Amino acid sequence: MTEKIQEFYLVERNSSGSESCLTRNYSNGFVSGATPNTAFKFKEEEQAKQFCKMQNMLAGIFDNGTKTFYVKQDITRTKYTEDGQVVEETTEETL
């Protein structure tokens, strides 16, 4: 059984060129320091674009020297039995 996942997340580049993924904090803002695994994930590309624009607008207002990009990540997961055979469908035994 193959599962395909598409997700989007934000990456911020600071003035020295270092990049860091962004995650949401308790006040629904974004903070740097996340990894791709812990970054806040958007399900829709349009949402990622909008928040990317917002982050860049705020960076311009505060002149903090950062630039934000969004990353599209495509993940394909395949489930196998203990014998190495591809699982064709999900049953209680394969969960």
PDB file of N, CA and C in Angstrom:
ATOM      1  N   MET A   1       0.845  -1.171   0.000  1.00  0.00           N
ATOM      2  CA  MET A   1       0.000   0.000   0.000  1.00  0.00           C
ATOM      3  C   MET A   1       0.890   1.234   0.000  1.00  0.00           C
ATOM      4  N   THR A   2       0.622   2.132  -0.900  1.00  0.00           N
ATOM      5  CA  THR A   2       1.411   3.352  -1.005  1.00  0.00           C
ATOM      6  C   THR A   2       0.573   4.539  -0.550  1.00  0.00           C
ATOM      7  N   GLU A   3       1.183   5.362   0.273  1.00  0.00           N
ATOM      8  CA  GLU A   3       0.538   6.570   0.784  1.00  0.00           C
ATOM      9  C   GLU A   3       1.337   7.768   0.280  1.00  0.00           C
ATOM     10  N   LYS A   4       0.665   8.727  -0.313  1.00  0.00           N
ATOM     11  CA  LYS A   4       1.336   9.927  -0.809  1.00  0.00           C
ATOM     12  C   LYS A   4       0.877  11.121   0.019  1.00  0.00           C
ATOM     13  N   ILE A   5       1.848  11.895   0.486  1.00  0.00           N
ATOM     14  CA  ILE A   5       1.577  13.068   1.310  1.00  0.00           C
ATOM     15  C   ILE A   5       2.258  14.264   0.659  1.00  0.00           C
ATOM     16  N   GLN A   6       1.535  15.349   0.560  1.00  0.00           N
ATOM     17  CA  GLN A   6       2.118  16.598   0.069  1.00  0.00           C
ATOM     18  C   GLN A   6       1.878  17.650   1.142  1.00  0.00           C
ATOM     19  N   GLU A   7       2.952  18.312   1.558  1.00  0.00           N
ATOM     20  CA  GLU A   7       2.833  19.338   2.582  1.00  0.00           C
ATOM     21  C   GLU A   7       3.796  20.474   2.278  1.00  0.00           C
ATOM     22  N   PHE A   8       3.561  21.580   2.937  1.00  0.00           N
ATOM     23  CA  PHE A   8       4.329  22.796   2.694  1.00  0.00           C
ATOM     24  C   PHE A   8       4.741  23.379   4.042  1.00  0.00           C
ATOM     25  N   TYR A   9       5.953  23.935   4.105  1.00  0.00           N
ATOM     26  CA  TYR A   9       6.379  24.603   5.332  1.00  0.00           C
ATOM     27  C   TYR A   9       7.262  25.794   4.982  1.00  0.00           C
ATOM     28  N   LEU A  10       7.444  26.679   5.967  1.00  0.00           N
ATOM     29  CA  LEU A  10       8.198  27.910   5.757  1.00  0.00           C
ATOM     30  C   LEU A  10       9.635  27.755   6.229  1.00  0.00           C
ATOM     31  N   VAL A  11      10.548  28.382   5.488  1.00  0.00           N
ATOM     32  CA  VAL A  11      11.966  28.421   5.842  1.00  0.00           C
ATOM     33  C   VAL A  11      12.404  29.878   5.819  1.00  0.00           C
ATOM     34  N   GLU A  12      13.105  30.285   6.866  1.00  0.00           N
ATOM     35  CA  GLU A  12      13.579  31.665   6.971  1.00  0.00           C
ATOM     36  C   GLU A  12      15.098  31.697   6.828  1.00  0.00           C
ATOM     37  N   ARG A  13      15.587  32.604   5.987  1.00  0.00           N
ATOM     38  CA  ARG A  13      17.029  32.813   5.828  1.00  0.00           C
ATOM     39  C   ARG A  13      17.377  34.132   6.504  1.00  0.00           C
ATOM     40  N   ASN A  14      18.342  34.092   7.424  1.00  0.00           N
ATOM     41  CA  ASN A  14      18.729  35.328   8.109  1.00  0.00           C
ATOM     42  C   ASN A  14      19.801  36.070   7.321  1.00  0.00           C
ATOM     43  N   SER A  15      20.223  37.213   7.836  1.00  0.00           N
ATOM     44  CA  SER A  15      21.159  38.075   7.105  1.00  0.00           C
ATOM     45  C   SER A  15      22.529  37.430   6.907  1.00  0.00           C
ATOM     46  N   SER A  16      22.876  36.427   7.714  1.00  0.00           N
ATOM     47  CA  SER A  16      24.163  35.747   7.533  1.00  0.00           C
ATOM     48  C   SER A  16      24.046  34.524   6.622  1.00  0.00           C
ATOM     49  N   GLY A  17      22.833  34.251   6.114  1.00  0.00           N
ATOM     50  CA  GLY A  17      22.639  33.151   5.174  1.00  0.00           C
ATOM     51  C   GLY A  17      22.199  31.840   5.786  1.00  0.00           C
ATOM     52  N   SER A  18      22.085  31.785   7.107  1.00  0.00           N
ATOM     53  CA  SER A  18      21.627  30.557   7.760  1.00  0.00           C
ATOM     54  C   SER A  18      20.127  30.395   7.568  1.00  0.00           C
ATOM     55  N   GLU A  19      19.701  29.162   7.340  1.00  0.00           N
ATOM     56  CA  GLU A  19      18.285  28.883   7.143  1.00  0.00           C
ATOM     57  C   GLU A  19      17.741  28.050   8.291  1.00  0.00           C
ATOM     58  N   SER A  20      16.496  28.339   8.646  1.00  0.00           N
ATOM     59  CA  SER A  20      15.825  27.620   9.716  1.00  0.00           C
ATOM     60  C   SER A  20      14.349  27.500   9.381  1.00  0.00           C
ATOM     61  N   CYS A  21      13.784  26.343   9.644  1.00  0.00           N
ATOM     62  CA  CYS A  21      12.347  26.145   9.433  1.00  0.00           C
ATOM     63  C   CYS A  21      11.576  26.916  10.496  1.00  0.00           C
ATOM     64  N   LEU A  22      10.334  27.251  10.174  1.00  0.00           N
ATOM     65  CA  LEU A  22       9.495  27.993  11.109  1.00  0.00           C
ATOM     66  C   LEU A  22       8.406  27.100  11.681  1.00  0.00           C
ATOM     67  N   THR A  23       8.110  27.327  12.938  1.00  0.00           N
ATOM     68  CA  THR A  23       7.011  26.641  13.599  1.00  0.00           C
ATOM     69  C   THR A  23       6.127  27.682  14.261  1.00  0.00           C
ATOM     70  N   ARG A  24       4.902  27.310  14.556  1.00  0.00           N
ATOM     71  CA  ARG A  24       3.988  28.254  15.204  1.00  0.00           C
ATOM     72  C   ARG A  24       4.190  28.199  16.704  1.00  0.00           C
ATOM     73  N   ASN A  25       4.099  29.373  17.338  1.00  0.00           N
ATOM     74  CA  ASN A  25       4.208  29.414  18.791  1.00  0.00           C
ATOM     75  C   ASN A  25       2.822  29.503  19.419  1.00  0.00           C
ATOM     76  N   TYR A  26       2.792  29.643  20.725  1.00  0.00           N
ATOM     77  CA  TYR A  26       1.525  29.633  21.459  1.00  0.00           C
ATOM     78  C   TYR A  26       0.590  30.777  21.080  1.00  0.00           C
ATOM     79  N   SER A  27       1.126  31.864  20.533  1.00  0.00           N
ATOM     80  CA  SER A  27       0.283  33.007  20.156  1.00  0.00           C
ATOM     81  C   SER A  27      -0.029  33.015  18.658  1.00  0.00           C
ATOM     82  N   ASN A  28       0.175  31.871  18.002  1.00  0.00           N
ATOM     83  CA  ASN A  28      -0.093  31.681  16.571  1.00  0.00           C
ATOM     84  C   ASN A  28       0.821  32.483  15.657  1.00  0.00           C
ATOM     85  N   GLY A  29       1.939  32.953  16.175  1.00  0.00           N
ATOM     86  CA  GLY A  29       2.963  33.564  15.335  1.00  0.00           C
ATOM     87  C   GLY A  29       3.951  32.486  14.909  1.00  0.00           C
ATOM     88  N   PHE A  30       4.928  32.870  14.103  1.00  0.00           N
ATOM     89  CA  PHE A  30       5.944  31.919  13.659  1.00  0.00           C
ATOM     90  C   PHE A  30       7.285  32.265  14.274  1.00  0.00           C
ATOM     91  N   VAL A  31       8.022  31.247  14.669  1.00  0.00           N
ATOM     92  CA  VAL A  31       9.361  31.414  15.219  1.00  0.00           C
ATOM     93  C   VAL A  31      10.300  30.447  14.509  1.00  0.00           C
ATOM     94  N   SER A  32      11.550  30.858  14.382  1.00  0.00           N
ATOM     95  CA  SER A  32      12.542  29.999  13.730  1.00  0.00           C
ATOM     96  C   SER A  32      13.124  29.029  14.747  1.00  0.00           C
ATOM     97  N   GLY A  33      13.858  28.062  14.247  1.00  0.00           N
ATOM     98  CA  GLY A  33      14.517  27.099  15.110  1.00  0.00           C
ATOM     99  C   GLY A  33      14.014  25.687  14.945  1.00  0.00           C
ATOM    100  N   ALA A  34      13.015  25.506  14.114  1.00  0.00           N
ATOM    101  CA  ALA A  34      12.460  24.167  13.905  1.00  0.00           C
ATOM    102  C   ALA A  34      13.278  23.413  12.859  1.00  0.00           C
ATOM    103  N   THR A  35      13.076  22.129  12.815  1.00  0.00           N
ATOM    104  CA  THR A  35      13.646  21.283  11.770  1.00  0.00           C
ATOM    105  C   THR A  35      12.529  20.976  10.774  1.00  0.00           C
ATOM    106  N   PRO A  36      12.843  20.409   9.620  1.00  0.00           N
ATOM    107  CA  PRO A  36      11.762  20.035   8.701  1.00  0.00           C
ATOM    108  C   PRO A  36      10.719  19.117   9.355  1.00  0.00           C
ATOM    109  N   ASN A  37      11.148  18.275  10.294  1.00  0.00           N
ATOM    110  CA  ASN A  37      10.198  17.380  10.970  1.00  0.00           C
ATOM    111  C   ASN A  37       9.273  18.116  11.924  1.00  0.00           C
ATOM    112  N   THR A  38       9.765  19.189  12.547  1.00  0.00           N
ATOM    113  CA  THR A  38       8.961  19.899  13.547  1.00  0.00           C
ATOM    114  C   THR A  38       8.378  21.205  13.029  1.00  0.00           C
ATOM    115  N   ALA A  39       8.642  21.538  11.780  1.00  0.00           N
ATOM    116  CA  ALA A  39       8.095  22.769  11.200  1.00  0.00           C
ATOM    117  C   ALA A  39       6.577  22.677  11.117  1.00  0.00           C
ATOM    118  N   PHE A  40       5.919  23.833  11.186  1.00  0.00           N
ATOM    119  CA  PHE A  40       4.472  23.851  11.011  1.00  0.00           C
ATOM    120  C   PHE A  40       4.171  23.513   9.558  1.00  0.00           C
ATOM    121  N   LYS A  41       3.275  22.560   9.337  1.00  0.00           N
ATOM    122  CA  LYS A  41       2.952  22.105   7.978  1.00  0.00           C
ATOM    123  C   LYS A  41       1.617  22.672   7.513  1.00  0.00           C
ATOM    124  N   PHE A  42       1.622  23.186   6.298  1.00  0.00           N
ATOM    125  CA  PHE A  42       0.400  23.631   5.633  1.00  0.00           C
ATOM    126  C   PHE A  42      -0.042  22.520   4.697  1.00  0.00           C
ATOM    127  N   LYS A  43      -1.344  22.312   4.596  1.00  0.00           N
ATOM    128  CA  LYS A  43      -1.862  21.298   3.684  1.00  0.00           C
ATOM    129  C   LYS A  43      -2.099  21.864   2.295  1.00  0.00           C
ATOM    130  N   GLU A  44      -2.289  23.165   2.215  1.00  0.00           N
ATOM    131  CA  GLU A  44      -2.577  23.823   0.938  1.00  0.00           C
ATOM    132  C   GLU A  44      -1.443  24.774   0.574  1.00  0.00           C
ATOM    133  N   GLU A  45      -1.023  24.741  -0.684  1.00  0.00           N
ATOM    134  CA  GLU A  45       0.059  25.607  -1.145  1.00  0.00           C
ATOM    135  C   GLU A  45      -0.323  27.079  -1.030  1.00  0.00           C
ATOM    136  N   GLU A  46      -1.570  27.403  -1.294  1.00  0.00           N
ATOM    137  CA  GLU A  46      -2.004  28.801  -1.230  1.00  0.00           C
ATOM    138  C   GLU A  46      -1.846  29.370   0.180  1.00  0.00           C
ATOM    139  N   GLN A  47      -2.108  28.569   1.194  1.00  0.00           N
ATOM    140  CA  GLN A  47      -1.904  29.014   2.577  1.00  0.00           C
ATOM    141  C   GLN A  47      -0.429  29.304   2.827  1.00  0.00           C
ATOM    142  N   ALA A  48       0.439  28.418   2.371  1.00  0.00           N
ATOM    143  CA  ALA A  48       1.878  28.618   2.554  1.00  0.00           C
ATOM    144  C   ALA A  48       2.330  29.900   1.867  1.00  0.00           C
ATOM    145  N   LYS A  49       1.821  30.159   0.670  1.00  0.00           N
ATOM    146  CA  LYS A  49       2.167  31.392  -0.052  1.00  0.00           C
ATOM    147  C   LYS A  49       1.733  32.622   0.729  1.00  0.00           C
ATOM    148  N   GLN A  50       0.509  32.590   1.255  1.00  0.00           N
ATOM    149  CA  GLN A  50      -0.008  33.747   1.986  1.00  0.00           C
ATOM    150  C   GLN A  50       0.805  34.032   3.239  1.00  0.00           C
ATOM    151  N   PHE A  51       1.131  32.991   4.005  1.00  0.00           N
ATOM    152  CA  PHE A  51       1.916  33.199   5.211  1.00  0.00           C
ATOM    153  C   PHE A  51       3.356  33.589   4.880  1.00  0.00           C
ATOM    154  N   CYS A  52       3.876  33.096   3.779  1.00  0.00           N
ATOM    155  CA  CYS A  52       5.209  33.486   3.324  1.00  0.00           C
ATOM    156  C   CYS A  52       5.234  34.983   3.019  1.00  0.00           C
ATOM    157  N   LYS A  53       4.226  35.456   2.300  1.00  0.00           N
ATOM    158  CA  LYS A  53       4.118  36.886   1.994  1.00  0.00           C
ATOM    159  C   LYS A  53       4.014  37.708   3.268  1.00  0.00           C
ATOM    160  N   MET A  54       3.215  37.228   4.219  1.00  0.00           N
ATOM    161  CA  MET A  54       3.044  37.948   5.476  1.00  0.00           C
ATOM    162  C   MET A  54       4.363  38.037   6.244  1.00  0.00           C
ATOM    163  N   GLN A  55       5.095  36.926   6.318  1.00  0.00           N
ATOM    164  CA  GLN A  55       6.383  36.931   7.021  1.00  0.00           C
ATOM    165  C   GLN A  55       7.353  37.908   6.368  1.00  0.00           C
ATOM    166  N   ASN A  56       7.378  37.932   5.039  1.00  0.00           N
ATOM    167  CA  ASN A  56       8.278  38.854   4.341  1.00  0.00           C
ATOM    168  C   ASN A  56       7.844  40.304   4.516  1.00  0.00           C
ATOM    169  N   MET A  57       6.533  40.548   4.580  1.00  0.00           N
ATOM    170  CA  MET A  57       6.039  41.897   4.824  1.00  0.00           C
ATOM    171  C   MET A  57       6.459  42.366   6.218  1.00  0.00           C
ATOM    172  N   LEU A  58       6.301  41.509   7.223  1.00  0.00           N
ATOM    173  CA  LEU A  58       6.707  41.861   8.585  1.00  0.00           C
ATOM    174  C   LEU A  58       8.217  42.072   8.675  1.00  0.00           C
ATOM    175  N   ALA A  59       8.981  41.244   7.981  1.00  0.00           N
ATOM    176  CA  ALA A  59      10.441  41.407   7.980  1.00  0.00           C
ATOM    177  C   ALA A  59      10.825  42.757   7.392  1.00  0.00           C
ATOM    178  N   GLY A  60      10.099  43.193   6.358  1.00  0.00           N
ATOM    179  CA  GLY A  60      10.361  44.503   5.767  1.00  0.00           C
ATOM    180  C   GLY A  60      10.001  45.636   6.706  1.00  0.00           C
ATOM    181  N   ILE A  61       8.878  45.513   7.390  1.00  0.00           N
ATOM    182  CA  ILE A  61       8.452  46.553   8.336  1.00  0.00           C
ATOM    183  C   ILE A  61       9.453  46.694   9.472  1.00  0.00           C
ATOM    184  N   PHE A  62       9.902  45.562  10.017  1.00  0.00           N
ATOM    185  CA  PHE A  62      10.826  45.588  11.145  1.00  0.00           C
ATOM    186  C   PHE A  62      12.291  45.616  10.715  1.00  0.00           C
ATOM    187  N   ASP A  63      12.542  45.551   9.410  1.00  0.00           N
ATOM    188  CA  ASP A  63      13.898  45.602   8.862  1.00  0.00           C
ATOM    189  C   ASP A  63      14.835  44.637   9.595  1.00  0.00           C
ATOM    190  N   ASN A  64      14.410  43.375   9.703  1.00  0.00           N
ATOM    191  CA  ASN A  64      15.215  42.408  10.454  1.00  0.00           C
ATOM    192  C   ASN A  64      16.179  41.590   9.588  1.00  0.00           C
ATOM    193  N   GLY A  65      16.214  41.846   8.289  1.00  0.00           N
ATOM    194  CA  GLY A  65      17.194  41.200   7.424  1.00  0.00           C
ATOM    195  C   GLY A  65      16.905  39.754   7.074  1.00  0.00           C
ATOM    196  N   THR A  66      15.680  39.301   7.277  1.00  0.00           N
ATOM    197  CA  THR A  66      15.353  37.914   6.945  1.00  0.00           C
ATOM    198  C   THR A  66      14.528  37.844   5.673  1.00  0.00           C
ATOM    199  N   LYS A  67      14.545  36.682   5.059  1.00  0.00           N
ATOM    200  CA  LYS A  67      13.737  36.396   3.876  1.00  0.00           C
ATOM    201  C   LYS A  67      13.116  35.021   4.096  1.00  0.00           C
ATOM    202  N   THR A  68      11.810  34.921   3.852  1.00  0.00           N
ATOM    203  CA  THR A  68      11.102  33.662   4.065  1.00  0.00           C
ATOM    204  C   THR A  68      10.709  33.047   2.729  1.00  0.00           C
ATOM    205  N   PHE A  69      10.871  31.740   2.645  1.00  0.00           N
ATOM    206  CA  PHE A  69      10.499  30.947   1.477  1.00  0.00           C
ATOM    207  C   PHE A  69       9.557  29.855   1.952  1.00  0.00           C
ATOM    208  N   TYR A  70       8.834  29.249   1.023  1.00  0.00           N
ATOM    209  CA  TYR A  70       8.087  28.052   1.412  1.00  0.00           C
ATOM    210  C   TYR A  70       8.633  26.863   0.641  1.00  0.00           C
ATOM    211  N   VAL A  71       8.554  25.710   1.277  1.00  0.00           N
ATOM    212  CA  VAL A  71       9.073  24.462   0.730  1.00  0.00           C
ATOM    213  C   VAL A  71       7.899  23.522   0.472  1.00  0.00           C
ATOM    214  N   LYS A  72       7.901  22.915  -0.701  1.00  0.00           N
ATOM    215  CA  LYS A  72       6.918  21.881  -1.034  1.00  0.00           C
ATOM    216  C   LYS A  72       7.600  20.538  -0.812  1.00  0.00           C
ATOM    217  N   GLN A  73       6.967  19.702  -0.022  1.00  0.00           N
ATOM    218  CA  GLN A  73       7.541  18.401   0.296  1.00  0.00           C
ATOM    219  C   GLN A  73       6.569  17.303  -0.126  1.00  0.00           C
ATOM    220  N   ASP A  74       7.045  16.401  -0.977  1.00  0.00           N
ATOM    221  CA  ASP A  74       6.255  15.250  -1.408  1.00  0.00           C
ATOM    222  C   ASP A  74       6.834  14.003  -0.753  1.00  0.00           C
ATOM    223  N   ILE A  75       5.991  13.284  -0.045  1.00  0.00           N
ATOM    224  CA  ILE A  75       6.416  12.080   0.667  1.00  0.00           C
ATOM    225  C   ILE A  75       5.632  10.892   0.120  1.00  0.00           C
ATOM    226  N   THR A  76       6.342   9.815  -0.176  1.00  0.00           N
ATOM    227  CA  THR A  76       5.696   8.570  -0.583  1.00  0.00           C
ATOM    228  C   THR A  76       6.094   7.501   0.421  1.00  0.00           C
ATOM    229  N   ARG A  77       5.107   6.869   1.024  1.00  0.00           N
ATOM    230  CA  ARG A  77       5.354   5.805   1.995  1.00  0.00           C
ATOM    231  C   ARG A  77       4.741   4.519   1.470  1.00  0.00           C
ATOM    232  N   THR A  78       5.504   3.445   1.527  1.00  0.00           N
ATOM    233  CA  THR A  78       5.021   2.138   1.092  1.00  0.00           C
ATOM    234  C   THR A  78       5.090   1.183   2.274  1.00  0.00           C
ATOM    235  N   LYS A  79       4.000   0.486   2.538  1.00  0.00           N
ATOM    236  CA  LYS A  79       3.955  -0.483   3.631  1.00  0.00           C
ATOM    237  C   LYS A  79       4.316  -1.861   3.094  1.00  0.00           C
ATOM    238  N   TYR A  80       5.136  -2.589   3.882  1.00  0.00           N
ATOM    239  CA  TYR A  80       5.570  -3.931   3.510  1.00  0.00           C
ATOM    240  C   TYR A  80       5.244  -4.914   4.628  1.00  0.00           C
ATOM    241  N   THR A  81       5.033  -6.161   4.253  1.00  0.00           N
ATOM    242  CA  THR A  81       4.869  -7.225   5.245  1.00  0.00           C
ATOM    243  C   THR A  81       6.246  -7.602   5.763  1.00  0.00           C
ATOM    244  N   GLU A  82       6.272  -8.449   6.766  1.00  0.00           N
ATOM    245  CA  GLU A  82       7.553  -8.896   7.313  1.00  0.00           C
ATOM    246  C   GLU A  82       8.370  -9.677   6.298  1.00  0.00           C
ATOM    247  N   ASP A  83       7.722 -10.184   5.241  1.00  0.00           N
ATOM    248  CA  ASP A  83       8.415 -10.926   4.188  1.00  0.00           C
ATOM    249  C   ASP A  83       8.873 -10.028   3.044  1.00  0.00           C
ATOM    250  N   GLY A  84       8.624  -8.733   3.158  1.00  0.00           N
ATOM    251  CA  GLY A  84       9.051  -7.806   2.120  1.00  0.00           C
ATOM    252  C   GLY A  84       8.057  -7.607   1.000  1.00  0.00           C
ATOM    253  N   GLN A  85       6.854  -8.120   1.154  1.00  0.00           N
ATOM    254  CA  GLN A  85       5.816  -7.949   0.137  1.00  0.00           C
ATOM    255  C   GLN A  85       5.057  -6.649   0.397  1.00  0.00           C
ATOM    256  N   VAL A  86       4.703  -5.963  -0.679  1.00  0.00           N
ATOM    257  CA  VAL A  86       3.942  -4.724  -0.549  1.00  0.00           C
ATOM    258  C   VAL A  86       2.548  -5.054  -0.036  1.00  0.00           C
ATOM    259  N   VAL A  87       2.110  -4.327   0.981  1.00  0.00           N
ATOM    260  CA  VAL A  87       0.762  -4.495   1.528  1.00  0.00           C
ATOM    261  C   VAL A  87      -0.201  -3.849   0.549  1.00  0.00           C
ATOM    262  N   GLU A  88      -1.168  -4.613   0.076  1.00  0.00           N
ATOM    263  CA  GLU A  88      -2.105  -4.125  -0.937  1.00  0.00           C
ATOM    264  C   GLU A  88      -3.211  -3.264  -0.357  1.00  0.00           C
ATOM    265  N   GLU A  89      -3.671  -3.578   0.834  1.00  0.00           N
ATOM    266  CA  GLU A  89      -4.727  -2.788   1.462  1.00  0.00           C
ATOM    267  C   GLU A  89      -4.517  -2.813   2.960  1.00  0.00           C
ATOM    268  N   THR A  90      -5.080  -1.852   3.648  1.00  0.00           N
ATOM    269  CA  THR A  90      -4.924  -1.771   5.094  1.00  0.00           C
ATOM    270  C   THR A  90      -5.998  -2.605   5.780  1.00  0.00           C
ATOM    271  N   THR A  91      -5.535  -3.488   6.640  1.00  0.00           N
ATOM    272  CA  THR A  91      -6.445  -4.271   7.473  1.00  0.00           C
ATOM    273  C   THR A  91      -5.998  -4.089   8.910  1.00  0.00           C
ATOM    274  N   GLU A  92      -6.738  -4.632   9.846  1.00  0.00           N
ATOM    275  CA  GLU A  92      -6.335  -4.512  11.246  1.00  0.00           C
ATOM    276  C   GLU A  92      -4.976  -5.152  11.479  1.00  0.00           C
ATOM    277  N   GLU A  93      -4.647  -6.199  10.739  1.00  0.00           N
ATOM    278  CA  GLU A  93      -3.363  -6.872  10.903  1.00  0.00           C
ATOM    279  C   GLU A  93      -2.197  -6.005  10.452  1.00  0.00           C
ATOM    280  N   THR A  94      -2.418  -5.111   9.479  1.00  0.00           N
ATOM    281  CA  THR A  94      -1.313  -4.313   8.944  1.00  0.00           C
ATOM    282  C   THR A  94      -1.201  -2.949   9.598  1.00  0.00           C
ATOM    283  N   LEU A  95      -2.105  -2.607  10.509  1.00  0.00           N
ATOM    284  CA  LEU A  95      -2.027  -1.305  11.177  1.00  0.00           C
ATOM    285  C   LEU A  95      -0.984  -1.302  12.244  1.00  0.00           C
TER     286      LEU A  95
END
